[in-house]
C-alpha cells in the first residue's frame, strides 16, 4: 500500500470510529450481562473456541456501516454492541495493534 492509499484508509477509519468511551462501554456490557435490554438491543459476540477468553479492552462508538461490515464478515476476536437507539459500539479485545491495523481489512479491497 502506498503512503497516499494508507492516508486515505486512515481518513476513512477516522470518519467511522467516533471515539473511545471505555466507561460507557463497560456500563453497556454490565447491563447486557445483567439482562437489561433498555439500552442494549444485542451484543454480537465473536466466534471463539471454548478455551479462548473474551476480554474487552476498549470501547469505541462506530458507524452503522462499519458495524455491519464487521458483523457480516464474522467477528473473530471483537464484539459489537447494538443499542436500542440504533447506535453501535465496537468492543475491542486483545489490544496490541493500532486501531488502524485492526480495521484496515474492512476498508481495503
Protein backbone atom coordinates (compact mmCIF):
# COMPACT_ATOMS: atom_id res chain seq x y z
CA UNK A 1 0.00 0.00 0.00
CA UNK A 2 1.37 3.42 -0.93
CA UNK A 3 1.55 6.29 1.53
CA UNK A 4 -1.35 8.00 -0.27
CA UNK A 5 -3.52 4.87 -0.07
CA UNK A 6 -2.61 4.47 3.60
CA UNK A 7 -3.56 8.08 4.35
CA UNK A 8 -6.91 7.66 2.55
CA UNK A 9 -7.64 4.49 4.53
CA UNK A 10 -6.76 6.23 7.79
CA UNK A 11 -9.11 9.12 6.96
CA UNK A 12 -11.95 6.69 6.21
CA UNK A 13 -11.37 4.91 9.52
CA UNK A 14 -11.32 8.25 11.36
CA UNK A 15 -14.71 9.06 9.82
CA UNK A 16 -16.28 5.81 11.06
CA UNK A 17 -14.70 5.43 14.51
CA UNK A 18 -16.18 8.15 16.65
CA UNK A 19 -14.16 7.98 19.84
CA UNK A 20 -13.01 5.91 22.76
CA UNK A 21 -15.64 5.60 25.52
CA UNK A 22 -14.47 2.96 28.00
CA UNK A 23 -16.76 3.97 30.88
CA UNK A 24 -19.85 3.90 28.65
CA UNK A 25 -18.84 0.58 27.10
CA UNK A 26 -18.19 -1.06 30.44
CA UNK A 27 -21.61 0.07 31.64
CA UNK A 28 -23.29 -1.26 28.49
CA UNK A 29 -21.60 -4.65 28.85
CA UNK A 30 -22.62 -4.80 32.52
CA UNK A 31 -26.21 -4.03 31.55
CA UNK A 32 -26.10 -6.73 28.86
CA UNK A 33 -24.79 -9.39 31.27
CA UNK A 34 -27.46 -8.38 33.81
CA UNK A 35 -30.17 -8.82 31.17
CA UNK A 36 -31.14 -5.14 30.96
CA UNK A 37 -32.45 -4.56 27.43
CA UNK A 38 -33.49 -0.92 27.89
CA UNK A 39 -30.33 0.36 26.18
CA UNK A 40 -28.58 -2.73 24.76
CA UNK A 41 -30.52 -4.42 21.98
CA UNK A 42 -27.99 -7.16 21.21
CA UNK A 43 -24.31 -7.96 21.57
CA UNK A 44 -22.75 -9.67 18.56
CA UNK A 45 -20.14 -11.88 20.21
CA UNK A 46 -17.07 -13.25 18.44
CA UNK A 47 -16.90 -16.84 17.32
CA UNK A 48 -14.26 -18.31 19.60
CA UNK A 49 -13.09 -21.69 20.72
CA UNK A 50 -14.07 -22.71 24.25
CA UNK A 51 -10.52 -22.25 25.55
CA UNK A 52 -10.37 -18.67 24.21
CA UNK A 53 -11.21 -15.90 26.64
CA UNK A 54 -13.24 -12.83 25.68
CA UNK A 55 -11.69 -9.86 27.47
CA UNK A 56 -12.96 -6.43 26.46
CA UNK A 57 -10.18 -3.85 26.47
CA UNK A 58 -11.51 -0.72 24.75
CA UNK A 59 -14.88 0.54 23.60
CA UNK A 60 -15.42 2.75 20.54
CA UNK A 61 -18.60 4.20 19.09
CA UNK A 62 -18.61 3.33 15.39
CA UNK A 63 -20.77 3.95 12.37
CA UNK A 64 -23.55 1.61 11.38
CA UNK A 65 -21.84 0.81 8.07
CA UNK A 66 -18.61 -0.25 9.81
CA UNK A 67 -20.56 -2.29 12.38
CA UNK A 68 -22.41 -4.10 9.61
CA UNK A 69 -19.19 -4.84 7.71
CA UNK A 70 -17.62 -6.27 10.86
CA UNK A 71 -20.67 -8.39 11.71
CA UNK A 72 -21.15 -9.65 8.15
CA UNK A 73 -17.50 -10.67 7.78
CA UNK A 74 -17.69 -12.61 11.04
CA UNK A 75 -16.30 -11.45 14.35
CA UNK A 76 -13.28 -13.47 15.42
CA UNK A 77 -11.98 -11.55 18.43
CA UNK A 78 -14.03 -8.42 18.99
CA UNK A 79 -17.71 -7.86 19.73
CA UNK A 80 -20.24 -5.27 18.55
CA UNK A 81 -22.83 -3.81 20.92
CA UNK A 82 -26.04 -2.89 19.09
CA UNK A 83 -28.05 -0.36 21.08
CA UNK A 84 -31.79 0.21 21.08
CA UNK A 85 -31.27 3.78 19.82
CA UNK A 86 -29.58 2.48 16.66
CA UNK A 87 -26.02 3.17 17.81
CA UNK A 88 -23.13 0.71 17.67
CA UNK A 89 -20.09 0.22 19.86
CA UNK A 90 -17.02 -1.80 18.92
CA UNK A 91 -15.76 -3.86 21.87
CA UNK A 92 -12.08 -4.15 21.04
CA UNK A 93 -10.19 -7.05 22.58
CA UNK A 94 -6.59 -8.12 22.58
CA UNK A 95 -5.08 -4.68 22.13
CA UNK A 96 -1.52 -4.52 20.93
CA UNK A 97 -2.05 -3.29 17.43
CA UNK A 98 -3.24 0.14 16.41
CA UNK A 99 -6.93 0.52 15.62
CA UNK A 100 -5.87 1.23 12.04
CA UNK A 101 -4.18 -2.17 11.82
CA UNK A 102 -7.27 -3.84 13.32
CA UNK A 103 -9.67 -2.12 10.91
CA UNK A 104 -7.62 -1.84 7.73
CA UNK A 105 -9.10 -5.01 6.20
CA UNK A 106 -12.61 -3.52 6.31
CA UNK A 107 -11.52 -0.58 4.16
CA UNK A 108 -9.01 -2.07 1.73
CA UNK A 109 -10.34 -4.20 -1.09
